[in-house]
Amino acid sequence: MNVVIYARFSSHSQTEQSIEGQLKECYAYAQRNDYTVVGEYIDRALSGTTDHRPEFQRMIADSAKKTFQGVLVYQLDRFARNRYDSATYKSKLKKNGVRVLSARENISDDASGVLMEAVLEGMAEYYSVELAQKIKRGMDINAEKCLSTGGNLALGFKTEGKRIVVDPLTAPIVVKIFEMYVTGSTMADIIRYLNANQVKTSYGNEFNKNSINRILRNKRYIGVYTYRDKEIPDGLPRIVDEDLFWEAQRIMEKNKKAPARAKAKVDYLLTTKLFCGYCKAAMTGISGTSKTERKYHYYQCVTNRRDKSCDKKTVGKEYIEDLVVNRLRDFLTPDNISMIAREVVDLCERESNNGNARRLKKLLAENEQATENLLKALESGQAVDIIADRITQKKKEHDELSLQLLLENSQHPTPSVKEIRFFLNQFRKGDINEPKYRQGLVDMLVNKIYLYDDKMTVLCNTQDGHFDVDLKEVSSLKGQLVEAGGVEPPIISSYNH
């Protein structure tokens, strides 16, 4: 397996030697486990409490290239000290087929670990109301003064304190993009020019159509400070002349009305989760067009598609996805919600005793034992001045370690059973037709689904959690199963669109 190493040190108490130590441990771990290290990403003097780390963000972006399957860290706090950030970025890596590995800790890769991360990620997104309100109040105050509200600034700007000012190094790039566009260059031309000259976006990535589009439509470049739905003219320094900006808008609107050539992307909700009940191979999305020019979407057994050695019938996409989502919501009964809440809290508490917190507790215990030994030596009259100095030094170390442990614990808050129950009860009331909600249900609860022609077994991420669905009792099944070569169901009226 190909892996990359991510290393970080954050303060004056850590040095380049810390990086060397992390790399040495990671390389040794990779060698023991027969992993091939294909790259290193190193952030120097940057805190793990924030995700504003250039190399970290570059690593996350590079994971989409599918050149590595693992991110190896010295220990988990090097990846992220904030559990919610950790869950979010692990989820992004997972979607790109990449897992996080720790050279010094065992990371739970089982169903319970997946459940914990999914619940915490969901709580961060759907539930952290009080925190969101506090952040919003602070951002509102800054927005009223046209100050930075945090986050990534548009290319061409930088901050001085909280003031947003023009960045003389990158602002000319923005002007160049507008000038090229209004003088006839296509977006593809601009992208090629910028990438060929090693120019990066404000996120440090290569340019693409979306990033160029965002720049060309960004009113901040003509001095408009935007926050939520509010616009404040002359709230920012201008980078682009107004005539140039509005000419670019005119051309974009003209091009927008041209016939679209791109095909609509179809998302298959159960990708990586749905498996053939007979041969255990993955079931993946396919589509086809009938004689009536109607588009149909299905899940098909990979073995069936490859050599027809499996007889599993192909199943309608909407039918099986709707069935799974509805049964998952039914699974969130009060008893199951309580069980999930207890399970997640137990896992969080076990995790809080791992990694950096455990190391700090050990150092504190060693410090206290050393101090006790010095006090005994002091009582016996040994080298009073020297021992007194060492006791003072040990007390200073103790205070520093105690502060680090306090910060570590504050950055790894363990939600209560009551909080998780509340979140899951609220989550259960989500819009069953909303794509993000549907994806959240599947990501949180489903480990694997084994689909047969007459039944379905859903293995959940909870301990010993699973349920079966008898498809023969589902009246809408007729017309949803088709032979491998078919495109159009035999009974059209039963196919739900």
Protein backbone atom coordinates (compact mmCIF):
# COMPACT_ATOMS: atom_id res chain seq x y z
CA MET A 1 0.00 0.00 0.00
CA ASN A 2 1.25 3.50 -0.85
CA VAL A 3 1.19 5.99 2.02
CA VAL A 4 2.23 9.58 2.64
CA ILE A 5 3.54 10.92 5.92
CA TYR A 6 2.03 14.01 7.56
CA ALA A 7 4.14 15.66 10.29
CA ARG A 8 3.62 18.87 12.25
CA PHE A 9 5.15 20.82 15.11
CA SER A 10 3.31 23.73 16.64
CA SER A 11 5.21 25.88 19.12
CA HIS A 12 8.51 27.04 20.57
CA SER A 13 8.54 23.93 22.76
CA GLN A 14 8.82 21.79 19.65
CA THR A 15 11.61 22.03 17.11
CA GLU A 16 12.77 20.68 13.80
CA GLN A 17 14.05 17.71 15.82
CA SER A 18 10.41 16.95 16.63
CA ILE A 19 9.77 16.60 12.89
CA GLU A 20 12.81 14.36 12.47
CA GLY A 21 11.61 12.18 15.34
CA GLN A 22 8.11 11.90 13.86
CA LEU A 23 9.49 11.01 10.42
CA LYS A 24 11.85 8.38 11.86
CA GLU A 25 9.02 6.69 13.75
CA CYS A 26 6.70 6.82 10.74
CA TYR A 27 9.28 5.36 8.35
CA ALA A 28 9.98 2.55 10.81
CA TYR A 29 6.25 1.82 11.10
CA ALA A 30 5.88 1.82 7.31
CA GLN A 31 8.78 -0.61 6.95
CA ARG A 32 7.35 -2.98 9.60
CA ASN A 33 3.99 -3.04 7.83
CA ASP A 34 5.37 -3.23 4.28
CA TYR A 35 3.97 0.19 3.27
CA THR A 36 5.63 2.29 0.54
CA VAL A 37 6.10 5.96 1.50
CA VAL A 38 5.50 8.05 -1.64
CA GLY A 39 5.55 11.54 -0.15
CA GLU A 40 5.84 13.82 2.89
CA TYR A 41 3.67 16.78 3.96
CA ILE A 42 5.17 18.89 6.77
CA ASP A 43 3.69 21.94 8.51
CA ARG A 44 6.14 23.83 10.68
CA ALA A 45 5.12 25.97 13.68
CA LEU A 46 1.42 25.54 12.97
CA SER A 47 -1.21 24.52 15.52
CA GLY A 48 -3.28 21.36 15.16
CA THR A 49 -6.31 23.14 16.64
CA THR A 50 -6.87 24.80 13.27
CA ASP A 51 -7.18 23.37 9.77
CA HIS A 52 -5.46 26.45 8.26
CA ARG A 53 -2.33 24.42 7.49
CA PRO A 54 -1.03 24.71 3.90
CA GLU A 55 0.61 21.28 3.68
CA PHE A 56 -2.31 19.61 5.42
CA GLN A 57 -4.76 21.15 2.95
CA ARG A 58 -2.49 20.21 0.02
CA MET A 59 -2.46 16.63 1.28
CA ILE A 60 -6.27 16.53 1.50
CA ALA A 61 -6.53 17.92 -2.05
CA ASP A 62 -3.89 15.49 -3.36
CA SER A 63 -5.82 12.53 -1.95
CA ALA A 64 -8.27 13.01 -4.84
CA LYS A 65 -5.48 12.02 -7.25
CA LYS A 66 -5.66 8.44 -5.85
CA THR A 67 -1.84 8.08 -5.74
CA PHE A 68 -1.82 6.96 -2.09
CA GLN A 69 -4.14 4.94 0.11
CA GLY A 70 -2.97 5.97 3.56
CA VAL A 71 -1.90 9.04 5.56
CA LEU A 72 0.62 8.04 8.22
CA VAL A 73 1.06 10.26 11.28
CA TYR A 74 3.29 9.92 14.36
CA GLN A 75 0.16 10.01 16.52
CA LEU A 76 -3.40 11.22 16.04
CA ASP A 77 -2.92 14.70 17.51
CA ARG A 78 -0.53 15.45 14.64
CA PHE A 79 -3.44 14.99 12.22
CA ALA A 80 -5.90 17.15 14.19
CA ARG A 81 -6.45 17.93 17.84
CA ASN A 82 -10.03 18.97 17.26
CA ARG A 83 -12.16 15.83 17.07
CA TYR A 84 -14.71 17.41 14.78
CA ASP A 85 -12.05 18.54 12.30
CA SER A 86 -10.57 15.05 12.51
CA ALA A 87 -13.92 13.43 11.68
CA THR A 88 -14.56 15.83 8.82
CA TYR A 89 -11.18 15.38 7.14
CA LYS A 90 -11.09 11.62 7.71
CA SER A 91 -14.43 11.49 5.93
CA LYS A 92 -13.01 13.45 2.97
CA LEU A 93 -10.02 11.12 2.80
CA LYS A 94 -12.24 8.05 3.05
CA LYS A 95 -14.27 9.18 0.04
CA ASN A 96 -10.98 9.23 -1.88
CA GLY A 97 -10.09 5.74 -0.67
CA VAL A 98 -7.54 6.96 1.89
CA ARG A 99 -7.36 5.98 5.57
CA VAL A 100 -5.45 7.59 8.45
CA LEU A 101 -2.77 5.48 10.14
CA SER A 102 -0.96 6.20 13.40
CA ALA A 103 2.57 4.96 14.07
CA ARG A 104 2.01 4.96 17.84
CA GLU A 105 -1.70 4.28 18.31
CA ASN A 106 -4.29 1.78 17.25
CA ILE A 107 -7.05 3.54 15.31
CA SER A 108 -10.40 1.83 15.48
CA ASP A 109 -11.29 0.89 11.93
CA ASP A 110 -14.23 -1.28 12.91
CA ALA A 111 -17.91 -0.46 12.61
CA SER A 112 -18.04 1.20 16.04
CA GLY A 113 -15.20 3.57 15.14
CA VAL A 114 -16.99 4.52 11.92
CA LEU A 115 -20.20 5.14 13.87
CA MET A 116 -18.45 7.38 16.40
CA GLU A 117 -16.84 9.51 13.69
CA ALA A 118 -20.10 9.74 11.74
CA VAL A 119 -22.12 10.81 14.80
CA LEU A 120 -19.54 13.39 15.86
CA GLU A 121 -19.26 14.75 12.34
CA GLY A 122 -23.04 14.92 12.14
CA MET A 123 -23.26 16.70 15.49
CA ALA A 124 -20.71 19.24 14.32
CA GLU A 125 -22.76 19.90 11.19
CA TYR A 126 -26.35 19.63 12.39
CA TYR A 127 -26.30 20.27 16.12
CA SER A 128 -23.60 22.61 17.51
CA VAL A 129 -26.16 25.40 17.84
CA GLU A 130 -24.72 27.21 20.83
CA LEU A 131 -21.21 27.31 19.37
CA ALA A 132 -22.56 28.38 15.99
CA GLN A 133 -24.51 31.21 17.61
CA LYS A 134 -21.45 32.46 19.49
CA ILE A 135 -19.35 32.35 16.34
CA LYS A 136 -22.11 34.09 14.38
CA ARG A 137 -22.30 36.92 16.93
CA GLY A 138 -18.56 37.51 16.69
CA MET A 139 -18.64 37.34 12.89
CA ASP A 140 -21.62 39.73 12.75
CA ILE A 141 -19.70 42.29 14.81
CA ASN A 142 -16.66 42.00 12.50
CA ALA A 143 -18.88 42.15 9.41
CA GLU A 144 -20.47 45.42 10.55
CA LYS A 145 -16.97 46.92 10.54
CA CYS A 146 -16.02 45.24 7.21
CA LEU A 147 -13.32 43.23 8.98
CA SER A 148 -12.22 39.66 8.36
CA THR A 149 -14.60 37.06 9.76
CA GLY A 150 -12.00 34.30 9.48
CA GLY A 151 -11.74 31.57 6.89
CA ASN A 152 -10.03 31.71 3.55
CA LEU A 153 -9.76 35.12 1.85
CA ALA A 154 -10.35 35.60 -1.86
CA LEU A 155 -7.23 35.62 -4.00
CA GLY A 156 -5.75 39.14 -4.13
CA PHE A 157 -6.47 40.03 -0.50
CA LYS A 158 -4.65 39.53 2.78
CA THR A 159 -5.24 40.57 6.38
CA GLU A 160 -3.39 43.01 8.58
CA GLY A 161 -4.76 42.23 11.99
CA LYS A 162 -8.43 41.88 11.11
CA ARG A 163 -8.36 44.50 8.35
CA ILE A 164 -8.64 43.22 4.78
CA VAL A 165 -6.11 44.85 2.47
CA VAL A 166 -4.88 44.30 -1.10
CA ASP A 167 -2.11 41.74 -1.43
CA PRO A 168 0.39 43.29 -3.87
CA LEU A 169 1.74 39.83 -4.77
CA THR A 170 -1.54 38.21 -5.85
CA ALA A 171 -3.83 41.11 -6.80
CA PRO A 172 -2.18 41.45 -10.26
CA ILE A 173 -3.13 37.81 -10.92
CA VAL A 174 -6.79 38.69 -10.39
CA VAL A 175 -6.56 41.66 -12.76
CA LYS A 176 -4.84 39.43 -15.35
CA ILE A 177 -7.69 36.88 -15.15
CA PHE A 178 -10.32 39.56 -15.80
CA GLU A 179 -8.32 41.13 -18.64
CA MET A 180 -7.75 37.78 -20.36
CA TYR A 181 -11.43 36.87 -20.12
CA VAL A 182 -12.85 40.11 -21.52
CA THR A 183 -10.31 40.12 -24.38
CA GLY A 184 -11.49 36.76 -25.68
CA SER A 185 -9.59 34.07 -23.72
CA THR A 186 -11.73 31.11 -22.69
CA MET A 187 -11.71 29.76 -19.16
CA ALA A 188 -9.69 26.80 -20.45
CA ASP A 189 -7.11 29.23 -21.87
CA ILE A 190 -6.85 31.06 -18.54
CA ILE A 191 -6.55 27.80 -16.59
CA ARG A 192 -3.75 26.55 -18.83
CA TYR A 193 -1.91 29.90 -18.55
CA LEU A 194 -2.11 30.04 -14.74
CA ASN A 195 -1.21 26.40 -14.13
CA ALA A 196 1.65 26.54 -16.63
CA ASN A 197 3.06 29.47 -14.66
CA GLN A 198 2.69 27.64 -11.32
CA VAL A 199 0.11 30.15 -10.06
CA LYS A 200 -2.06 28.73 -7.26
CA THR A 201 -5.54 29.52 -5.93
CA SER A 202 -6.02 31.06 -2.50
CA TYR A 203 -6.26 27.47 -1.19
CA GLY A 204 -2.91 26.56 -2.71
CA ASN A 205 -4.42 24.35 -5.41
CA GLU A 206 -4.24 24.38 -9.20
CA PHE A 207 -6.89 26.40 -10.99
CA ASN A 208 -9.97 24.80 -12.53
CA LYS A 209 -13.19 26.05 -14.11
CA ASN A 210 -14.92 26.50 -10.74
CA SER A 211 -12.11 28.58 -9.24
CA ILE A 212 -12.01 30.88 -12.31
CA ASN A 213 -15.78 31.21 -12.26
CA ARG A 214 -15.75 32.19 -8.55
CA ILE A 215 -13.13 34.88 -9.19
CA LEU A 216 -14.95 36.38 -12.17
CA ARG A 217 -18.23 36.63 -10.22
CA ASN A 218 -16.75 37.91 -6.96
CA LYS A 219 -17.99 41.43 -6.21
CA ARG A 220 -15.31 41.86 -3.57
CA TYR A 221 -12.95 42.78 -6.38
CA ILE A 222 -14.94 45.99 -7.00
CA GLY A 223 -14.95 46.86 -3.29
CA VAL A 224 -18.22 45.22 -2.21
CA TYR A 225 -17.93 43.64 1.25
CA THR A 226 -20.27 40.64 1.33
CA TYR A 227 -21.43 38.76 4.38
CA ARG A 228 -24.30 36.31 4.24
CA ASP A 229 -26.93 38.13 2.13
CA LYS A 230 -25.69 41.60 3.00
CA GLU A 231 -23.58 43.74 0.65
CA ILE A 232 -21.68 46.86 1.74
CA PRO A 233 -20.38 48.97 -1.19
CA ASP A 234 -16.85 50.37 -0.72
CA GLY A 235 -16.35 48.12 2.29
CA LEU A 236 -13.17 46.72 0.73
CA PRO A 237 -10.28 48.16 -1.29
CA ARG A 238 -10.86 47.69 -5.04
CA ILE A 239 -8.70 45.43 -7.16
CA VAL A 240 -10.59 45.48 -10.47
CA ASP A 241 -12.05 48.44 -12.37
CA GLU A 242 -15.87 48.40 -12.39
CA ASP A 243 -16.14 48.58 -16.20
CA LEU A 244 -13.85 45.57 -16.49
CA PHE A 245 -15.84 43.62 -13.90
CA TRP A 246 -19.26 44.25 -15.44
CA GLU A 247 -17.98 43.48 -18.94
CA ALA A 248 -16.87 40.10 -17.60
CA GLN A 249 -20.38 39.57 -16.16
CA ARG A 250 -21.94 40.38 -19.54
CA ILE A 251 -19.75 37.84 -21.34
CA MET A 252 -20.43 35.18 -18.71
CA GLU A 253 -24.19 35.64 -19.03
CA LYS A 254 -23.91 35.39 -22.81
CA ASN A 255 -21.90 32.17 -22.55
CA LYS A 256 -24.29 30.81 -19.93
CA LYS A 257 -27.14 30.94 -22.44
CA ALA A 258 -25.20 28.80 -24.91
CA PRO A 259 -26.40 25.17 -25.14
CA ALA A 260 -25.03 23.04 -22.31
CA ARG A 261 -22.73 20.24 -23.39
CA ALA A 262 -22.00 18.58 -20.07
CA LYS A 263 -23.90 15.51 -18.99
CA ALA A 264 -25.72 15.63 -15.67
CA LYS A 265 -23.83 13.76 -12.97
CA VAL A 266 -25.79 11.03 -11.21
CA ASP A 267 -24.84 10.25 -7.61
CA TYR A 268 -25.26 6.67 -6.47
CA LEU A 269 -25.99 6.85 -2.74
CA LEU A 270 -25.05 3.25 -1.92
CA THR A 271 -21.68 3.12 -3.70
CA THR A 272 -19.12 1.23 -1.52
CA LYS A 273 -21.95 0.03 0.77
CA LEU A 274 -24.04 -2.26 -1.46
CA PHE A 275 -22.91 -5.83 -2.15
CA CYS A 276 -24.34 -8.84 -3.97
CA GLY A 277 -25.83 -11.26 -1.46
CA TYR A 278 -24.87 -14.26 -3.60
CA CYS A 279 -21.24 -13.71 -4.64
CA LYS A 280 -20.42 -10.86 -2.18
CA ALA A 281 -19.04 -8.65 -4.98
CA ALA A 282 -19.77 -4.92 -4.98
CA MET A 283 -22.87 -3.59 -6.71
CA THR A 284 -22.12 -0.43 -8.66
CA GLY A 285 -24.16 2.12 -10.58
CA ILE A 286 -24.98 1.75 -14.26
CA SER A 287 -27.34 3.58 -16.58
CA GLY A 288 -28.97 2.99 -19.93
CA THR A 289 -31.40 4.59 -22.36
CA SER A 290 -34.49 2.75 -23.56
CA LYS A 291 -36.03 2.78 -27.05
CA THR A 292 -38.28 5.59 -25.88
CA GLU A 293 -35.14 7.68 -24.99
CA ARG A 294 -35.92 7.40 -21.31
CA LYS A 295 -32.88 7.23 -18.99
CA TYR A 296 -32.77 4.46 -16.38
CA HIS A 297 -30.32 4.00 -13.49
CA TYR A 298 -29.51 0.74 -11.73
CA TYR A 299 -27.15 -1.06 -9.36
CA GLN A 300 -25.53 -4.13 -10.92
CA CYS A 301 -23.39 -6.91 -9.44
CA VAL A 302 -19.79 -6.47 -10.64
CA THR A 303 -19.38 -10.23 -11.18
CA ASN A 304 -22.58 -10.34 -13.23
CA ARG A 305 -21.35 -7.48 -15.36
CA ARG A 306 -17.88 -8.96 -15.83
CA ASP A 307 -18.58 -12.56 -16.85
CA LYS A 308 -22.22 -13.42 -15.99
CA SER A 309 -21.04 -16.07 -13.50
CA CYS A 310 -23.43 -14.59 -10.90
CA ASP A 311 -27.18 -14.57 -11.56
CA LYS A 312 -28.00 -11.58 -9.33
CA LYS A 313 -30.55 -9.37 -11.05
CA THR A 314 -29.96 -5.67 -11.55
CA VAL A 315 -32.07 -3.41 -9.29
CA GLY A 316 -33.54 0.06 -9.85
CA LYS A 317 -31.50 2.85 -8.26
CA GLU A 318 -34.30 4.97 -6.83
CA TYR A 319 -36.21 1.96 -5.57
CA ILE A 320 -33.35 0.46 -3.54
CA GLU A 321 -32.07 3.83 -2.29
CA ASP A 322 -35.52 4.93 -1.08
CA LEU A 323 -36.05 1.56 0.57
CA VAL A 324 -32.72 1.71 2.41
CA VAL A 325 -33.17 5.33 3.56
CA ASN A 326 -36.68 4.69 4.88
CA ARG A 327 -35.64 1.53 6.74
CA LEU A 328 -32.64 3.35 8.25
CA ARG A 329 -34.90 6.03 9.61
CA ASP A 330 -37.15 3.35 11.03
CA PHE A 331 -34.05 1.86 12.68
CA LEU A 332 -33.62 5.04 14.76
CA THR A 333 -36.06 3.94 17.46
CA PRO A 334 -35.78 5.41 21.00
CA ASP A 335 -34.06 2.21 22.20
CA ASN A 336 -31.57 2.20 19.32
CA ILE A 337 -30.89 5.92 19.75
CA SER A 338 -30.07 5.34 23.44
CA MET A 339 -27.85 2.39 22.53
CA ILE A 340 -25.97 4.41 19.89
CA ALA A 341 -25.52 7.33 22.30
CA ARG A 342 -24.02 5.10 25.00
CA GLU A 343 -21.76 3.38 22.47
CA VAL A 344 -20.41 6.68 21.08
CA VAL A 345 -19.77 8.13 24.55
CA ASP A 346 -17.90 4.97 25.60
CA LEU A 347 -15.73 5.18 22.47
CA CYS A 348 -15.06 8.89 23.00
CA GLU A 349 -14.00 8.29 26.60
CA ARG A 350 -11.68 5.47 25.57
CA GLU A 351 -10.20 7.66 22.83
CA SER A 352 -9.64 10.55 25.25
CA ASN A 353 -7.31 8.29 27.23
CA ASN A 354 -5.21 7.57 24.14
CA GLY A 355 -2.53 9.51 22.31
CA ASN A 356 -1.37 12.87 23.53
CA ALA A 357 -3.50 12.96 26.70
CA ARG A 358 -2.15 9.59 27.79
CA ARG A 359 1.42 10.74 27.10
CA LEU A 360 0.89 13.94 29.13
CA LYS A 361 -0.62 12.00 32.06
CA LYS A 362 2.38 9.69 32.06
CA LEU A 363 4.80 12.64 32.04
CA LEU A 364 2.85 14.26 34.90
CA ALA A 365 3.03 11.07 36.97
CA GLU A 366 6.79 10.80 36.33
CA ASN A 367 7.21 14.46 37.27
CA GLU A 368 5.32 14.00 40.53
CA GLN A 369 7.33 10.89 41.42
CA ALA A 370 10.61 12.71 40.69
CA THR A 371 9.50 15.66 42.84
CA GLU A 372 8.60 13.32 45.69
CA ASN A 373 12.05 11.69 45.50
CA LEU A 374 13.71 15.11 45.55
CA LEU A 375 11.70 16.14 48.62
CA LYS A 376 12.81 12.98 50.43
CA ALA A 377 16.41 13.76 49.51
CA LEU A 378 15.93 17.32 50.75
CA GLU A 379 14.58 16.06 54.09
CA SER A 380 17.68 13.90 54.54
CA GLY A 381 19.90 16.96 54.11
CA GLN A 382 21.49 16.10 50.75
CA ALA A 383 22.87 19.04 48.69
CA VAL A 384 20.09 21.40 49.79
CA ASP A 385 20.75 24.22 47.29
CA ILE A 386 21.01 21.95 44.24
CA ILE A 387 17.95 19.89 45.21
CA ALA A 388 15.87 23.02 45.94
CA ASP A 389 16.67 24.35 42.44
CA ARG A 390 15.66 21.03 40.89
CA ILE A 391 12.38 21.01 42.84
CA THR A 392 11.64 24.51 41.51
CA GLN A 393 12.41 23.30 37.99
CA LYS A 394 10.15 20.25 38.43
CA LYS A 395 7.31 22.46 39.68
CA LYS A 396 7.64 24.64 36.58
CA GLU A 397 7.54 21.52 34.37
CA HIS A 398 4.50 20.29 36.29
CA ASP A 399 2.64 23.55 35.67
CA GLU A 400 3.46 23.44 31.94
CA LEU A 401 2.37 19.80 31.63
CA SER A 402 -0.85 20.48 33.57
CA LEU A 403 -1.68 23.36 31.23
CA GLN A 404 -1.00 21.20 28.16
CA LEU A 405 -3.23 18.44 29.55
CA LEU A 406 -5.99 20.96 30.29
CA LEU A 407 -5.80 22.26 26.71
CA GLU A 408 -5.74 18.72 25.33
CA ASN A 409 -8.86 17.73 27.28
CA SER A 410 -10.67 20.92 26.29
CA GLN A 411 -9.96 20.17 22.62
CA HIS A 412 -11.32 16.64 22.92
CA PRO A 413 -14.72 17.24 24.53
CA THR A 414 -16.76 14.11 25.14
CA PRO A 415 -20.44 14.73 24.40
CA SER A 416 -22.92 13.40 26.93
CA VAL A 417 -25.43 10.62 26.26
CA LYS A 418 -28.17 13.23 26.58
CA GLU A 419 -26.57 15.49 23.94
CA ILE A 420 -26.16 12.64 21.45
CA ARG A 421 -29.72 11.42 22.05
CA PHE A 422 -31.01 14.92 21.41
CA PHE A 423 -28.99 15.17 18.19
CA LEU A 424 -30.16 11.77 16.91
CA ASN A 425 -33.79 12.55 17.73
CA GLN A 426 -33.48 15.82 15.80
CA PHE A 427 -31.60 14.07 13.00
CA ARG A 428 -34.40 11.53 12.66
CA LYS A 429 -36.76 14.40 11.74
CA GLY A 430 -34.68 15.48 8.73
CA ASP A 431 -36.04 15.79 5.20
CA ILE A 432 -36.05 12.25 3.78
CA ASN A 433 -35.76 13.63 0.23
CA GLU A 434 -32.82 15.96 0.89
CA PRO A 435 -29.62 14.46 -0.66
CA LYS A 436 -27.29 15.55 2.13
CA TYR A 437 -29.61 14.09 4.77
CA ARG A 438 -29.92 10.80 2.89
CA GLN A 439 -26.13 10.58 2.58
CA GLY A 440 -25.77 11.34 6.29
CA LEU A 441 -28.09 8.48 7.26
CA VAL A 442 -26.19 6.00 5.08
CA ASP A 443 -22.72 7.18 6.18
CA MET A 444 -23.65 7.12 9.85
CA LEU A 445 -25.51 3.84 10.13
CA VAL A 446 -24.56 1.52 7.27
CA ASN A 447 -21.51 -0.70 7.30
CA LYS A 448 -22.58 -3.05 4.48
CA ILE A 449 -25.76 -4.08 2.69
CA TYR A 450 -26.07 -7.55 1.18
CA LEU A 451 -28.77 -7.58 -1.50
CA TYR A 452 -30.47 -10.72 -2.76
CA ASP A 453 -33.35 -10.91 -5.23
CA ASP A 454 -35.84 -11.64 -2.45
CA LYS A 455 -34.31 -10.05 0.67
CA MET A 456 -31.80 -7.50 1.95
CA THR A 457 -29.53 -7.66 5.01
CA VAL A 458 -28.30 -4.34 6.40
CA LEU A 459 -25.25 -4.48 8.70
CA CYS A 460 -25.15 -1.35 10.84
CA ASN A 461 -22.14 0.36 12.41
CA THR A 462 -23.52 -0.35 15.87
CA GLN A 463 -22.33 -3.31 17.91
CA ASP A 464 -24.19 -6.43 16.70
CA GLY A 465 -26.63 -4.15 14.86
CA HIS A 466 -28.30 -5.48 11.73
CA PHE A 467 -31.75 -5.94 10.25
CA ASP A 468 -33.32 -7.85 7.38
CA VAL A 469 -35.90 -6.71 4.85
CA ASP A 470 -38.09 -9.27 3.08
CA LEU A 471 -38.34 -7.84 -0.43
CA LYS A 472 -41.22 -10.17 -1.27
CA GLU A 473 -43.32 -8.15 1.18
CA VAL A 474 -42.43 -4.86 -0.56
CA SER A 475 -45.22 -4.34 -3.09
CA SER A 476 -43.16 -1.97 -5.24
CA LEU A 477 -40.54 -4.64 -5.98
CA LYS A 478 -42.22 -5.81 -9.17
CA GLY A 479 -40.55 -4.15 -12.13
CA GLN A 480 -37.44 -3.11 -10.20
CA LEU A 481 -35.42 -6.27 -10.86
CA VAL A 482 -34.26 -6.76 -14.44
CA GLU A 483 -31.98 -9.20 -16.18
CA ALA A 484 -28.38 -8.12 -16.59
CA GLY A 485 -28.73 -7.07 -20.22
CA GLY A 486 -31.98 -5.20 -19.76
CA VAL A 487 -32.40 -1.46 -19.74
CA GLU A 488 -36.12 -0.88 -19.44
CA PRO A 489 -38.06 -2.60 -16.61
CA PRO A 490 -40.72 -5.01 -17.86
CA ILE A 491 -43.47 -3.01 -16.14
CA ILE A 492 -42.79 0.70 -16.60
CA SER A 493 -45.63 1.97 -14.42
CA SER A 494 -44.10 0.46 -11.29
CA TYR A 495 -40.83 2.32 -11.70
CA ASN A 496 -40.82 5.40 -9.45
CA HIS A 497 -39.32 8.65 -10.75
